[in-house]
Amino acid sequence: MSAELHVLTALYYLSRMNVKYSDVAEKFGLADSNIHAAVNRMLEYLINDIGPVVIRLPTVEMKAKTACHYKYSYGFPHIIGSFELYSST
């Protein structure tokens, strides 16, 4: 299987809810095991190679500073981080 097909099948599978390997395999003319392998490799790549670059865990100092900020600014103790979600539209 080409690298392009590998990525396409994994992204197709991961972008849909409640889809089965067999559905993706049929769409791309492949075996279920090919889809399983493609999805696993894509997830391993995202977790092991991309994750550490994009997701930075806070240091002990950063955790303490953030916890103080949330406790004294908003009254929420023991908070060490948050996510900000926004829409570009």
C-alpha atoms as a PDB file:
ATOM      1  CA  MET A   1       0.000   0.000   0.000  1.00  0.00           C
ATOM      2  CA  SER A   2       1.384   3.416  -0.945  1.00  0.00           C
ATOM      3  CA  ALA A   3       2.095   6.029   1.704  1.00  0.00           C
ATOM      4  CA  GLU A   4      -0.630   8.234   0.232  1.00  0.00           C
ATOM      5  CA  LEU A   5      -3.240   5.466   0.424  1.00  0.00           C
ATOM      6  CA  HIS A   6      -2.042   4.615   3.909  1.00  0.00           C
ATOM      7  CA  VAL A   7      -2.678   8.178   5.112  1.00  0.00           C
ATOM      8  CA  LEU A   8      -5.951   8.554   3.205  1.00  0.00           C
ATOM      9  CA  THR A   9      -7.478   5.383   4.586  1.00  0.00           C
ATOM     10  CA  ALA A  10      -6.428   6.191   8.148  1.00  0.00           C
ATOM     11  CA  LEU A  11      -7.751   9.741   7.954  1.00  0.00           C
ATOM     12  CA  TYR A  12     -10.978   8.525   6.355  1.00  0.00           C
ATOM     13  CA  TYR A  13     -11.497   6.038   9.183  1.00  0.00           C
ATOM     14  CA  LEU A  14     -10.558   8.481  11.940  1.00  0.00           C
ATOM     15  CA  SER A  15     -12.767  11.262  10.562  1.00  0.00           C
ATOM     16  CA  ARG A  16     -15.975   9.241  10.749  1.00  0.00           C
ATOM     17  CA  MET A  17     -18.026   8.112  13.713  1.00  0.00           C
ATOM     18  CA  ASN A  18     -19.238   4.528  14.011  1.00  0.00           C
ATOM     19  CA  VAL A  19     -17.500   3.313  10.856  1.00  0.00           C
ATOM     20  CA  LYS A  20     -16.138  -0.217  10.635  1.00  0.00           C
ATOM     21  CA  TYR A  21     -12.809  -1.300   9.201  1.00  0.00           C
ATOM     22  CA  SER A  22     -14.753  -3.396   6.699  1.00  0.00           C
ATOM     23  CA  ASP A  23     -16.632  -0.311   5.431  1.00  0.00           C
ATOM     24  CA  VAL A  24     -13.386   1.555   4.800  1.00  0.00           C
ATOM     25  CA  ALA A  25     -11.737  -1.539   3.331  1.00  0.00           C
ATOM     26  CA  GLU A  26     -14.593  -1.963   0.857  1.00  0.00           C
ATOM     27  CA  LYS A  27     -14.503   1.713  -0.138  1.00  0.00           C
ATOM     28  CA  PHE A  28     -10.774   1.587  -0.899  1.00  0.00           C
ATOM     29  CA  GLY A  29     -10.642  -1.984  -2.198  1.00  0.00           C
ATOM     30  CA  LEU A  30      -8.409  -3.253   0.606  1.00  0.00           C
ATOM     31  CA  ALA A  31      -8.480  -5.891   3.328  1.00  0.00           C
ATOM     32  CA  ASP A  32      -9.664  -5.059   6.843  1.00  0.00           C
ATOM     33  CA  SER A  33      -6.156  -5.825   8.117  1.00  0.00           C
ATOM     34  CA  ASN A  34      -4.718  -3.105   5.847  1.00  0.00           C
ATOM     35  CA  ILE A  35      -7.065  -0.541   7.366  1.00  0.00           C
ATOM     36  CA  HIS A  36      -6.256  -1.712  10.883  1.00  0.00           C
ATOM     37  CA  ALA A  37      -2.519  -1.410  10.192  1.00  0.00           C
ATOM     38  CA  ALA A  38      -2.912   2.033   8.580  1.00  0.00           C
ATOM     39  CA  VAL A  39      -4.957   3.381  11.496  1.00  0.00           C
ATOM     40  CA  ASN A  40      -2.531   1.988  14.083  1.00  0.00           C
ATOM     41  CA  ARG A  41       0.495   3.438  12.295  1.00  0.00           C
ATOM     42  CA  MET A  42      -1.200   6.835  11.950  1.00  0.00           C
ATOM     43  CA  LEU A  43      -2.104   6.908  15.651  1.00  0.00           C
ATOM     44  CA  GLU A  44       1.408   5.847  16.663  1.00  0.00           C
ATOM     45  CA  TYR A  45       2.830   8.644  14.512  1.00  0.00           C
ATOM     46  CA  LEU A  46       0.471  11.245  15.971  1.00  0.00           C
ATOM     47  CA  ILE A  47       1.074  10.150  19.561  1.00  0.00           C
ATOM     48  CA  ASN A  48       4.821   9.461  19.440  1.00  0.00           C
ATOM     49  CA  ASP A  49       6.118  11.940  16.850  1.00  0.00           C
ATOM     50  CA  ILE A  50       3.665  14.841  16.644  1.00  0.00           C
ATOM     51  CA  GLY A  51       2.285  14.775  20.194  1.00  0.00           C
ATOM     52  CA  PRO A  52       5.505  15.699  22.024  1.00  0.00           C
ATOM     53  CA  VAL A  53       6.040  18.640  19.650  1.00  0.00           C
ATOM     54  CA  VAL A  54       2.507  20.019  19.892  1.00  0.00           C
ATOM     55  CA  ILE A  55       1.516  19.089  23.446  1.00  0.00           C
ATOM     56  CA  ARG A  56       3.803  20.444  26.116  1.00  0.00           C
ATOM     57  CA  LEU A  57       3.130  19.279  29.656  1.00  0.00           C
ATOM     58  CA  PRO A  58       3.578  21.953  32.328  1.00  0.00           C
ATOM     59  CA  THR A  59       6.601  21.987  34.592  1.00  0.00           C
ATOM     60  CA  VAL A  60       6.171  21.902  38.380  1.00  0.00           C
ATOM     61  CA  GLU A  61       6.752  25.664  38.462  1.00  0.00           C
ATOM     62  CA  MET A  62       4.168  26.294  35.739  1.00  0.00           C
ATOM     63  CA  LYS A  63       1.623  24.117  37.570  1.00  0.00           C
ATOM     64  CA  ALA A  64       2.111  26.051  40.809  1.00  0.00           C
ATOM     65  CA  LYS A  65       1.849  29.434  39.070  1.00  0.00           C
ATOM     66  CA  THR A  66      -1.304  28.409  37.185  1.00  0.00           C
ATOM     67  CA  ALA A  67      -2.899  26.940  40.321  1.00  0.00           C
ATOM     68  CA  CYS A  68      -2.320  30.202  42.197  1.00  0.00           C
ATOM     69  CA  HIS A  69      -3.732  32.241  39.332  1.00  0.00           C
ATOM     70  CA  TYR A  70      -6.956  30.235  39.111  1.00  0.00           C
ATOM     71  CA  LYS A  71      -7.363  30.065  42.891  1.00  0.00           C
ATOM     72  CA  TYR A  72      -6.947  33.794  43.528  1.00  0.00           C
ATOM     73  CA  SER A  73      -8.507  35.098  40.305  1.00  0.00           C
ATOM     74  CA  TYR A  74     -11.508  32.781  40.034  1.00  0.00           C
ATOM     75  CA  GLY A  75     -11.740  30.846  43.306  1.00  0.00           C
ATOM     76  CA  PHE A  76     -10.965  27.469  41.723  1.00  0.00           C
ATOM     77  CA  PRO A  77      -8.251  25.579  43.642  1.00  0.00           C
ATOM     78  CA  HIS A  78      -5.972  22.886  42.178  1.00  0.00           C
ATOM     79  CA  ILE A  79      -6.348  23.945  38.507  1.00  0.00           C
ATOM     80  CA  ILE A  80      -3.126  23.377  36.549  1.00  0.00           C
ATOM     81  CA  GLY A  81      -4.305  24.203  33.041  1.00  0.00           C
ATOM     82  CA  SER A  82      -7.152  24.884  30.682  1.00  0.00           C
ATOM     83  CA  PHE A  83      -8.059  24.797  27.012  1.00  0.00           C
ATOM     84  CA  GLU A  84      -9.292  27.772  25.074  1.00  0.00           C
ATOM     85  CA  LEU A  85     -11.650  26.870  22.279  1.00  0.00           C
ATOM     86  CA  TYR A  86     -12.514  29.386  19.616  1.00  0.00           C
ATOM     87  CA  SER A  87     -13.976  29.490  16.173  1.00  0.00           C
ATOM     88  CA  SER A  88     -12.396  31.361  13.296  1.00  0.00           C
ATOM     89  CA  THR A  89     -15.803  31.984  11.739  1.00  0.00           C
END
